[in-house]
PDB file of N, CA and C in Angstrom:
ATOM      1  N   MET A   1      83.509  78.417 102.250  1.00  0.00           N
ATOM      2  CA  MET A   1      84.753  79.183 102.326  1.00  0.00           C
ATOM      3  C   MET A   1      84.426  80.670 102.238  1.00  0.00           C
ATOM      4  N   SER A   2      85.096  81.462 103.033  1.00  0.00           N
ATOM      5  CA  SER A   2      84.825  82.899 103.039  1.00  0.00           C
ATOM      6  C   SER A   2      85.645  83.613 101.975  1.00  0.00           C
ATOM      7  N   THR A   3      85.203  84.796 101.620  1.00  0.00           N
ATOM      8  CA  THR A   3      85.920  85.630 100.658  1.00  0.00           C
ATOM      9  C   THR A   3      86.514  86.812 101.412  1.00  0.00           C
ATOM     10  N   PRO A   4      87.460  87.542 100.799  1.00  0.00           N
ATOM     11  CA  PRO A   4      88.046  88.701 101.484  1.00  0.00           C
ATOM     12  C   PRO A   4      87.012  89.714 101.954  1.00  0.00           C
ATOM     13  N   LEU A   5      85.854  89.784 101.280  1.00  0.00           N
ATOM     14  CA  LEU A   5      84.829  90.740 101.662  1.00  0.00           C
ATOM     15  C   LEU A   5      84.107  90.322 102.944  1.00  0.00           C
ATOM     16  N   ASP A   6      84.233  89.062 103.343  1.00  0.00           N
ATOM     17  CA  ASP A   6      83.586  88.569 104.550  1.00  0.00           C
ATOM     18  C   ASP A   6      84.360  88.910 105.824  1.00  0.00           C
ATOM     19  N   HIS A   7      85.566  89.414 105.686  1.00  0.00           N
ATOM     20  CA  HIS A   7      86.430  89.656 106.835  1.00  0.00           C
ATOM     21  C   HIS A   7      86.349  91.103 107.321  1.00  0.00           C
ATOM     22  N   GLU A   8      86.602  91.276 108.601  1.00  0.00           N
ATOM     23  CA  GLU A   8      86.727  92.612 109.197  1.00  0.00           C
ATOM     24  C   GLU A   8      88.161  92.728 109.677  1.00  0.00           C
ATOM     25  N   TRP A   9      89.033  93.300 108.833  1.00  0.00           N
ATOM     26  CA  TRP A   9      90.464  93.334 109.101  1.00  0.00           C
ATOM     27  C   TRP A   9      90.810  94.399 110.130  1.00  0.00           C
ATOM     28  N   GLU A  10      91.691  94.024 111.059  1.00  0.00           N
ATOM     29  CA  GLU A  10      92.226  94.932 112.074  1.00  0.00           C
ATOM     30  C   GLU A  10      93.747  94.929 111.926  1.00  0.00           C
ATOM     31  N   THR A  11      94.341  96.102 111.804  1.00  0.00           N
ATOM     32  CA  THR A  11      95.790  96.198 111.689  1.00  0.00           C
ATOM     33  C   THR A  11      96.411  96.020 113.062  1.00  0.00           C
ATOM     34  N   THR A  12      97.306  95.037 113.160  1.00  0.00           N
ATOM     35  CA  THR A  12      97.986  94.772 114.433  1.00  0.00           C
ATOM     36  C   THR A  12      99.358  95.411 114.486  1.00  0.00           C
ATOM     37  N   SER A  13      99.949  95.665 113.313  1.00  0.00           N
ATOM     38  CA  SER A  13     101.282  96.252 113.249  1.00  0.00           C
ATOM     39  C   SER A  13     101.469  96.894 111.881  1.00  0.00           C
ATOM     40  N   ARG A  14     102.210  97.996 111.832  1.00  0.00           N
ATOM     41  CA  ARG A  14     102.471  98.700 110.577  1.00  0.00           C
ATOM     42  C   ARG A  14     103.908  99.209 110.606  1.00  0.00           C
ATOM     43  N   HIS A  15     104.638  98.991 109.496  1.00  0.00           N
ATOM     44  CA  HIS A  15     106.052  99.378 109.436  1.00  0.00           C
ATOM     45  C   HIS A  15     106.370 100.008 108.086  1.00  0.00           C
ATOM     46  N   ARG A  16     107.100 101.113 108.112  1.00  0.00           N
ATOM     47  CA  ARG A  16     107.550 101.760 106.882  1.00  0.00           C
ATOM     48  C   ARG A  16     108.820 101.048 106.413  1.00  0.00           C
ATOM     49  N   THR A  17     108.862 100.694 105.120  1.00  0.00           N
ATOM     50  CA  THR A  17     110.031 100.044 104.526  1.00  0.00           C
ATOM     51  C   THR A  17     110.438 100.817 103.284  1.00  0.00           C
ATOM     52  N   ALA A  18     111.529 100.408 102.662  1.00  0.00           N
ATOM     53  CA  ALA A  18     111.985 101.055 101.433  1.00  0.00           C
ATOM     54  C   ALA A  18     110.983 100.851 100.294  1.00  0.00           C
ATOM     55  N   ASP A  19     110.215  99.759 100.346  1.00  0.00           N
ATOM     56  CA  ASP A  19     109.246  99.466  99.293  1.00  0.00           C
ATOM     57  C   ASP A  19     107.872 100.070  99.537  1.00  0.00           C
ATOM     58  N   GLY A  20     107.598 100.523 100.745  1.00  0.00           N
ATOM     59  CA  GLY A  20     106.288 101.063 101.087  1.00  0.00           C
ATOM     60  C   GLY A  20     105.955 100.751 102.541  1.00  0.00           C
ATOM     61  N   VAL A  21     104.689 100.752 102.884  1.00  0.00           N
ATOM     62  CA  VAL A  21     104.255 100.472 104.250  1.00  0.00           C
ATOM     63  C   VAL A  21     103.702  99.046 104.306  1.00  0.00           C
ATOM     64  N   VAL A  22     104.278  98.231 105.184  1.00  0.00           N
ATOM     65  CA  VAL A  22     103.831  96.853 105.375  1.00  0.00           C
ATOM     66  C   VAL A  22     102.901  96.826 106.580  1.00  0.00           C
ATOM     67  N   SER A  23     101.711  96.237 106.411  1.00  0.00           N
ATOM     68  CA  SER A  23     100.738  96.121 107.496  1.00  0.00           C
ATOM     69  C   SER A  23     100.423  94.651 107.737  1.00  0.00           C
ATOM     70  N   TYR A  24     100.410  94.262 108.994  1.00  0.00           N
ATOM     71  CA  TYR A  24     100.007  92.915 109.399  1.00  0.00           C
ATOM     72  C   TYR A  24      98.602  93.045 109.956  1.00  0.00           C
ATOM     73  N   GLN A  25      97.669  92.274 109.395  1.00  0.00           N
ATOM     74  CA  GLN A  25      96.269  92.408 109.771  1.00  0.00           C
ATOM     75  C   GLN A  25      95.673  91.049 110.126  1.00  0.00           C
ATOM     76  N   ARG A  26      94.687  91.074 111.015  1.00  0.00           N
ATOM     77  CA  ARG A  26      93.981  89.840 111.367  1.00  0.00           C
ATOM     78  C   ARG A  26      92.490  90.118 111.442  1.00  0.00           C
ATOM     79  N   CYS A  27      91.731  89.027 111.350  1.00  0.00           N
ATOM     80  CA  CYS A  27      90.276  89.083 111.428  1.00  0.00           C
ATOM     81  C   CYS A  27      89.845  88.340 112.687  1.00  0.00           C
ATOM     82  N   ARG A  28      88.655  88.641 113.183  1.00  0.00           N
ATOM     83  CA  ARG A  28      88.125  87.947 114.359  1.00  0.00           C
ATOM     84  C   ARG A  28      88.046  86.435 114.151  1.00  0.00           C
ATOM     85  N   CYS A  29      87.871  85.995 112.915  1.00  0.00           N
ATOM     86  CA  CYS A  29      87.721  84.568 112.627  1.00  0.00           C
ATOM     87  C   CYS A  29      89.042  83.814 112.727  1.00  0.00           C
ATOM     88  N   GLY A  30      90.167  84.531 112.849  1.00  0.00           N
ATOM     89  CA  GLY A  30      91.467  83.884 112.946  1.00  0.00           C
ATOM     90  C   GLY A  30      92.299  83.998 111.676  1.00  0.00           C
ATOM     91  N   ALA A  31      91.709  84.509 110.587  1.00  0.00           N
ATOM     92  CA  ALA A  31      92.453  84.702 109.347  1.00  0.00           C
ATOM     93  C   ALA A  31      93.423  85.875 109.520  1.00  0.00           C
ATOM     94  N   TRP A  32      94.488  85.875 108.740  1.00  0.00           N
ATOM     95  CA  TRP A  32      95.449  86.967 108.792  1.00  0.00           C
ATOM     96  C   TRP A  32      95.936  87.270 107.380  1.00  0.00           C
ATOM     97  N   ARG A  33      96.526  88.461 107.210  1.00  0.00           N
ATOM     98  CA  ARG A  33      97.125  88.829 105.934  1.00  0.00           C
ATOM     99  C   ARG A  33      98.201  89.878 106.158  1.00  0.00           C
ATOM    100  N   ILE A  34      99.072  89.994 105.163  1.00  0.00           N
ATOM    101  CA  ILE A  34     100.135  90.996 105.148  1.00  0.00           C
ATOM    102  C   ILE A  34      99.915  91.841 103.905  1.00  0.00           C
ATOM    103  N   ARG A  35      99.858  93.162 104.075  1.00  0.00           N
ATOM    104  CA  ARG A  35      99.628  94.070 102.948  1.00  0.00           C
ATOM    105  C   ARG A  35     100.826  94.981 102.762  1.00  0.00           C
ATOM    106  N   LEU A  36     101.131  95.282 101.506  1.00  0.00           N
ATOM    107  CA  LEU A  36     102.156  96.254 101.170  1.00  0.00           C
ATOM    108  C   LEU A  36     101.490  97.399 100.438  1.00  0.00           C
ATOM    109  N   ALA A  37     101.569  98.587 100.993  1.00  0.00           N
ATOM    110  CA  ALA A  37     100.993  99.779 100.365  1.00  0.00           C
ATOM    111  C   ALA A  37     102.130 100.650  99.858  1.00  0.00           C
ATOM    112  N   THR A  38     102.146 100.896  98.546  1.00  0.00           N
ATOM    113  CA  THR A  38     103.125 101.784  97.931  1.00  0.00           C
ATOM    114  C   THR A  38     102.393 103.064  97.526  1.00  0.00           C
ATOM    115  N   PRO A  39     103.121 104.078  97.086  1.00  0.00           N
ATOM    116  CA  PRO A  39     102.430 105.302  96.655  1.00  0.00           C
ATOM    117  C   PRO A  39     101.415 105.059  95.535  1.00  0.00           C
ATOM    118  N   ARG A  40     101.575 103.984  94.755  1.00  0.00           N
ATOM    119  CA  ARG A  40     100.688 103.724  93.627  1.00  0.00           C
ATOM    120  C   ARG A  40      99.622 102.677  93.901  1.00  0.00           C
ATOM    121  N   THR A  41      99.877 101.756  94.818  1.00  0.00           N
ATOM    122  CA  THR A  41      98.961 100.628  94.979  1.00  0.00           C
ATOM    123  C   THR A  41      99.058 100.005  96.369  1.00  0.00           C
ATOM    124  N   ALA A  42      98.086  99.178  96.704  1.00  0.00           N
ATOM    125  CA  ALA A  42      98.118  98.362  97.921  1.00  0.00           C
ATOM    126  C   ALA A  42      97.915  96.914  97.490  1.00  0.00           C
ATOM    127  N   THR A  43      98.779  96.037  97.940  1.00  0.00           N
ATOM    128  CA  THR A  43      98.767  94.647  97.516  1.00  0.00           C
ATOM    129  C   THR A  43      98.750  93.729  98.726  1.00  0.00           C
ATOM    130  N   VAL A  44      97.949  92.676  98.666  1.00  0.00           N
ATOM    131  CA  VAL A  44      97.992  91.655  99.703  1.00  0.00           C
ATOM    132  C   VAL A  44      99.137  90.723  99.342  1.00  0.00           C
ATOM    133  N   ALA A  45     100.164  90.717 100.181  1.00  0.00           N
ATOM    134  CA  ALA A  45     101.352  89.906  99.908  1.00  0.00           C
ATOM    135  C   ALA A  45     101.176  88.465 100.360  1.00  0.00           C
ATOM    136  N   ALA A  46     100.429  88.253 101.437  1.00  0.00           N
ATOM    137  CA  ALA A  46     100.198  86.900 101.936  1.00  0.00           C
ATOM    138  C   ALA A  46      98.886  86.894 102.687  1.00  0.00           C
ATOM    139  N   SER A  47      98.227  85.764 102.667  1.00  0.00           N
ATOM    140  CA  SER A  47      96.952  85.637 103.352  1.00  0.00           C
ATOM    141  C   SER A  47      96.762  84.197 103.779  1.00  0.00           C
ATOM    142  N   ALA A  48      96.124  83.993 104.919  1.00  0.00           N
ATOM    143  CA  ALA A  48      95.863  82.630 105.402  1.00  0.00           C
ATOM    144  C   ALA A  48      94.513  82.584 106.074  1.00  0.00           C
ATOM    145  N   GLY A  49      93.913  81.421 106.046  1.00  0.00           N
ATOM    146  CA  GLY A  49      92.646  81.220 106.724  1.00  0.00           C
ATOM    147  C   GLY A  49      92.861  81.074 108.207  1.00  0.00           C
ATOM    148  N   ARG A  50      91.888  80.481 108.862  1.00  0.00           N
ATOM    149  CA  ARG A  50      91.978  80.271 110.302  1.00  0.00           C
ATOM    150  C   ARG A  50      93.237  79.515 110.672  1.00  0.00           C
ATOM    151  N   ILE A  51      93.819  79.908 111.765  1.00  0.00           N
ATOM    152  CA  ILE A  51      94.993  79.211 112.284  1.00  0.00           C
ATOM    153  C   ILE A  51      94.558  78.478 113.541  1.00  0.00           C
ATOM    154  N   ARG A  52      94.735  77.166 113.539  1.00  0.00           N
ATOM    155  CA  ARG A  52      94.334  76.362 114.682  1.00  0.00           C
ATOM    156  C   ARG A  52      95.549  76.008 115.527  1.00  0.00           C
ATOM    157  N   ALA A  53      95.350  75.999 116.818  1.00  0.00           N
ATOM    158  CA  ALA A  53      96.430  75.614 117.729  1.00  0.00           C
ATOM    159  C   ALA A  53      96.706  74.123 117.566  1.00  0.00           C
ATOM    160  N   LEU A  54      97.971  73.755 117.682  1.00  0.00           N
ATOM    161  CA  LEU A  54      98.351  72.343 117.632  1.00  0.00           C
ATOM    162  C   LEU A  54      98.182  71.718 119.007  1.00  0.00           C
ATOM    163  N   GLY A  55      97.826  70.451 119.030  1.00  0.00           N
ATOM    164  CA  GLY A  55      97.787  69.772 120.309  1.00  0.00           C
ATOM    165  C   GLY A  55      96.527  69.135 120.676  1.00  0.00           C
TER     166      GLY A  55
END
């Protein structure tokens, strides 16, 4: 299993909200995460491993 340090995150979308800046990021391996950056901190709100196509 990989750790967050094993990933090379690329921001695919970034949006300013009332709570801070939300960034949607993905890695070449297929993992993705959502980050919330506020003036005080940056937090990973959600993260998932590889996403496989159904079928």
